[in-house]
Amino acid sequence: MSGDYLLHPDNLTAATYCDTFPCGLGVAEPTTMLTDYVLAIELFVLAALLLRFGSATPNFARYWGVGLAFLGVSFAFGGSEHGFALPLKCDGRDACIASSWVWVVTLVTQTPGLALPVVGTTQLVLGSGKWILASKVYAAVLVVVFTLLAIVGAVSTPLDGFLLGFL
């Protein structure tokens, strides 16, 4: 983020962060962090199961597998954003910021994770044809637009981080 313009709406500091969010085990929001990490592992396992046949894996399963892998990465970064909020958002600042670049990575990796299974499901249900191309175009547009919104929202000081906060 460009400077500290996107301050946490509750005007939190490193000293008051744990008054608002549950802290324990040496991390902020340990339950959220652990839940996100467990979900990331689960998503990686499911992705590996779907992709285990290599080139023999059906196309729809490849889209689902890669999508779940992206979601696993997203959950891993999201868990880190929550668990390590104090050093990411508060250290070296008078007031904590609302989001760090780790959250932007979370958002950017989440989008293909949600878009690719749409293509896989279309292939599974409809087989082939114009709807497959339409689902690929939809997924590509979704990823590009959401990624641009997340990045612009993170770096645009005049918008005061509105797009990032909105996403």
Foldseek 3Di string as FASTA:
>chain_A
DPPQLQFAPVQAALVCPCVPFPDDPPWTNQVLLVVLQVQLVVLQVQLCVQCVVPPPRDPLSPLQSQLSNLLSLLSNLVSCCRGHVCVQFHPPDRTGGRGGVSNLSSQLSNLSSVLSNQLSVCCVPVVDDDVSVVSVVVSVVRNVVSNVLSVCLVPPVVVSSVSNVVD
